[in-house]
């Protein structure tokens, strides 16, 4: 199994661990977080060090995944993604991803997600539980498509955008970069 380090030890980390364990592809080595959390555990995995020391852990045999959530701002996720790390792409075994879809590096596709033919998902994205990304939709880099959100066919979602839980983006809609759609919003 490939060695995997997680960056961020909060709630999104817990959900990510569940997905990673279901894959049997990666062995989680440990977690990085703020200095005051070093030594604590998240679901049995130790917080090894702070993210300031990530460069000391870089080698050819290890992968990294940013497990910091994103709602109002993607700034921290983008900063970390700019580091010269080997980022894993994680796709839950309980997700359906069409063989005609493309998923960017550093992206996690959570349980029960549906991504249909022709969809393109950018880098460093969170496609959260039970989200639907329809045919030919394009999701930019550093986006979070939240739980139960629906992005219909031919939509274009700009970089750094958050689509809230149970939101619906109608067919062919173009969402500009850095947009935040609240819970249940229909656009």
Protein backbone atom coordinates (compact mmCIF):
# COMPACT_ATOMS: atom_id res chain seq x y z
CA UNK A 1 0.00 0.00 0.00
CA UNK A 2 1.08 3.57 -0.68
CA UNK A 3 1.95 5.78 2.30
CA UNK A 4 -0.36 8.77 2.78
CA UNK A 5 -0.06 11.82 5.04
CA UNK A 6 -3.13 13.94 5.79
CA UNK A 7 -2.90 17.72 6.20
CA UNK A 8 -5.52 18.98 8.67
CA UNK A 9 -7.06 17.10 11.58
CA UNK A 10 -10.62 18.44 11.87
CA UNK A 11 -14.05 17.19 10.81
CA UNK A 12 -13.25 16.89 7.11
CA UNK A 13 -10.22 14.79 8.07
CA UNK A 14 -12.49 12.31 9.86
CA UNK A 15 -14.73 11.95 6.79
CA UNK A 16 -11.67 11.60 4.57
CA UNK A 17 -10.20 8.84 6.76
CA UNK A 18 -13.39 6.84 6.39
CA UNK A 19 -13.16 7.09 2.59
CA UNK A 20 -9.42 6.31 2.48
CA UNK A 21 -9.79 3.23 4.71
CA UNK A 22 -12.53 1.89 2.41
CA UNK A 23 -10.19 1.96 -0.60
CA UNK A 24 -7.39 -0.38 0.59
CA UNK A 25 -4.96 1.57 -1.61
CA UNK A 26 -3.29 3.89 0.91
CA UNK A 27 -1.87 3.41 4.39
CA UNK A 28 -2.37 6.55 6.49
CA UNK A 29 0.97 7.31 8.16
CA UNK A 30 -0.14 10.33 10.16
CA UNK A 31 -1.62 13.82 10.19
CA UNK A 32 -0.27 17.37 10.16
CA UNK A 33 -2.04 20.17 12.02
CA UNK A 34 -1.30 23.20 14.20
CA UNK A 35 1.56 22.84 16.74
CA UNK A 36 -0.74 22.70 19.77
CA UNK A 37 -2.39 19.50 18.44
CA UNK A 38 0.83 17.52 17.93
CA UNK A 39 0.57 14.19 19.74
CA UNK A 40 -3.24 14.10 19.68
CA UNK A 41 -5.10 11.52 17.61
CA UNK A 42 -7.89 11.61 15.05
CA UNK A 43 -9.72 8.28 14.73
CA UNK A 44 -6.59 6.49 15.93
CA UNK A 45 -4.12 8.33 13.66
CA UNK A 46 -1.50 10.48 15.36
CA UNK A 47 -0.92 14.15 14.60
CA UNK A 48 2.80 13.92 13.86
CA UNK A 49 3.86 17.47 13.23
CA UNK A 50 2.72 20.91 12.11
CA UNK A 51 2.20 21.76 8.46
CA UNK A 52 5.18 24.15 8.71
CA UNK A 53 7.42 21.07 8.74
CA UNK A 54 5.87 19.31 5.74
CA UNK A 55 9.03 19.71 3.60
CA UNK A 56 10.88 17.36 5.99
CA UNK A 57 8.49 14.54 5.10
CA UNK A 58 8.72 14.78 1.30
CA UNK A 59 10.04 11.68 -0.44
CA UNK A 60 9.26 9.65 -3.55
CA UNK A 61 7.31 7.00 -1.63
CA UNK A 62 4.79 9.23 0.12
CA UNK A 63 1.55 10.90 -0.92
CA UNK A 64 -0.30 13.79 0.69
CA UNK A 65 -3.95 14.85 0.87
CA UNK A 66 -5.27 18.17 2.17
CA UNK A 67 -7.99 17.28 4.66
CA UNK A 68 -8.83 20.82 5.70
CA UNK A 69 -12.43 21.69 4.86
CA UNK A 70 -13.52 24.66 2.79
CA UNK A 71 -16.58 26.84 3.17
CA UNK A 72 -15.88 30.57 3.15
CA UNK A 73 -12.30 30.53 1.93
CA UNK A 74 -10.03 28.17 0.03
CA UNK A 75 -6.90 30.23 0.80
CA UNK A 76 -5.25 27.75 3.19
CA UNK A 77 -6.00 24.78 0.94
CA UNK A 78 -4.50 26.68 -2.03
CA UNK A 79 -1.40 27.67 -0.05
CA UNK A 80 -0.77 24.06 0.98
CA UNK A 81 -1.49 22.79 -2.54
CA UNK A 82 1.27 25.08 -3.80
CA UNK A 83 3.87 23.06 -1.92
CA UNK A 84 5.95 20.57 -3.95
CA UNK A 85 4.14 17.50 -2.58
CA UNK A 86 2.97 14.34 -4.32
CA UNK A 87 -0.80 14.77 -3.96
CA UNK A 88 -3.10 11.76 -3.99
CA UNK A 89 -6.47 11.65 -5.73
CA UNK A 90 -9.00 9.81 -3.57
CA UNK A 91 -12.21 8.28 -4.93
CA UNK A 92 -14.50 6.36 -2.61
CA UNK A 93 -15.41 2.83 -3.68
CA UNK A 94 -19.01 3.87 -2.97
CA UNK A 95 -18.84 6.71 -5.54
CA UNK A 96 -19.75 6.35 -9.20
CA UNK A 97 -17.34 8.14 -11.51
CA UNK A 98 -17.91 7.65 -15.23
CA UNK A 99 -14.94 6.33 -17.16
CA UNK A 100 -15.51 9.37 -19.40
CA UNK A 101 -15.04 11.85 -16.54
CA UNK A 102 -11.75 13.41 -15.42
CA UNK A 103 -10.69 14.05 -11.82
CA UNK A 104 -7.75 16.36 -10.97
CA UNK A 105 -4.94 15.60 -8.54
CA UNK A 106 -5.44 16.27 -4.86
CA UNK A 107 -9.22 15.93 -5.20
CA UNK A 108 -11.33 13.74 -2.93
CA UNK A 109 -14.60 12.19 -4.11
CA UNK A 110 -16.57 11.12 -1.04
CA UNK A 111 -19.11 8.33 -0.47
CA UNK A 112 -22.20 8.08 -2.70
CA UNK A 113 -21.11 10.82 -5.14
CA UNK A 114 -22.21 10.54 -8.79
CA UNK A 115 -20.01 12.04 -11.51
CA UNK A 116 -21.36 11.44 -15.00
CA UNK A 117 -19.87 11.23 -18.50
CA UNK A 118 -17.87 14.18 -19.77
CA UNK A 119 -17.62 15.87 -16.36
CA UNK A 120 -14.28 17.47 -15.50
CA UNK A 121 -13.31 18.03 -11.86
CA UNK A 122 -10.33 20.31 -11.17
CA UNK A 123 -7.45 19.95 -8.75
CA UNK A 124 -7.64 20.14 -4.96
CA UNK A 125 -11.44 19.84 -4.85
CA UNK A 126 -13.83 18.31 -2.35
CA UNK A 127 -16.79 16.55 -3.96
CA UNK A 128 -18.69 15.76 -0.80
CA UNK A 129 -21.05 12.94 0.14
CA UNK A 130 -24.07 12.39 -2.14
CA UNK A 131 -23.20 15.26 -4.50
CA UNK A 132 -24.19 14.90 -8.17
CA UNK A 133 -22.08 16.34 -10.97
CA UNK A 134 -23.92 15.77 -14.24
CA UNK A 135 -22.70 15.23 -17.79
CA UNK A 136 -20.24 17.73 -19.26
CA UNK A 137 -20.13 19.91 -16.15
CA UNK A 138 -16.79 21.56 -15.41
CA UNK A 139 -15.74 22.15 -11.81
CA UNK A 140 -12.73 24.48 -11.46
CA UNK A 141 -9.76 24.07 -9.15
CA UNK A 142 -10.04 24.44 -5.35
CA UNK A 143 -13.84 24.02 -5.26
CA UNK A 144 -16.05 22.36 -2.67
CA UNK A 145 -19.27 20.81 -3.93
CA UNK A 146 -20.96 20.12 -0.61
CA UNK A 147 -23.21 17.32 0.63
CA UNK A 148 -26.20 16.58 -1.56
CA UNK A 149 -25.48 19.44 -3.97
CA UNK A 150 -26.52 19.05 -7.61
CA UNK A 151 -24.52 20.54 -10.47
CA UNK A 152 -26.53 19.86 -13.61
CA UNK A 153 -25.25 19.20 -17.12
CA UNK A 154 -23.08 21.69 -19.03
CA UNK A 155 -22.49 23.90 -15.96
CA UNK A 156 -19.17 25.67 -15.44
CA UNK A 157 -18.17 26.28 -11.82
CA UNK A 158 -15.33 28.80 -11.43
CA UNK A 159 -12.21 28.21 -9.34
CA UNK A 160 -12.40 28.59 -5.54
CA UNK A 161 -16.19 28.23 -5.44
CA UNK A 162 -18.28 26.70 -2.65
CA UNK A 163 -21.63 25.11 -3.54
CA UNK A 164 -23.54 24.55 -0.27
CA UNK A 165 -25.40 21.45 0.87
CA UNK A 166 -28.54 20.66 -1.13
CA UNK A 167 -27.93 23.54 -3.55
CA UNK A 168 -28.97 23.09 -7.17
CA UNK A 169 -27.20 24.67 -10.13
CA UNK A 170 -29.44 24.53 -13.19
CA UNK A 171 -28.36 23.18 -16.56
CA UNK A 172 -25.79 25.25 -18.45
CA UNK A 173 -25.29 27.84 -15.68
CA UNK A 174 -21.90 29.54 -15.41
CA UNK A 175 -20.84 30.33 -11.84
CA UNK A 176 -18.00 32.89 -11.56
CA UNK A 177 -14.85 32.16 -9.52
CA UNK A 178 -14.93 32.63 -5.76
CA UNK A 179 -18.72 32.32 -5.50
CA UNK A 180 -20.33 31.03 -2.31
CA UNK A 181 -23.78 29.43 -2.65
CA UNK A 182 -25.51 28.94 0.69
CA UNK A 183 -27.31 25.85 1.91
CA UNK A 184 -30.22 24.90 -0.35
CA UNK A 185 -29.73 27.78 -2.80
CA UNK A 186 -31.06 27.27 -6.31
CA UNK A 187 -29.48 29.19 -9.13
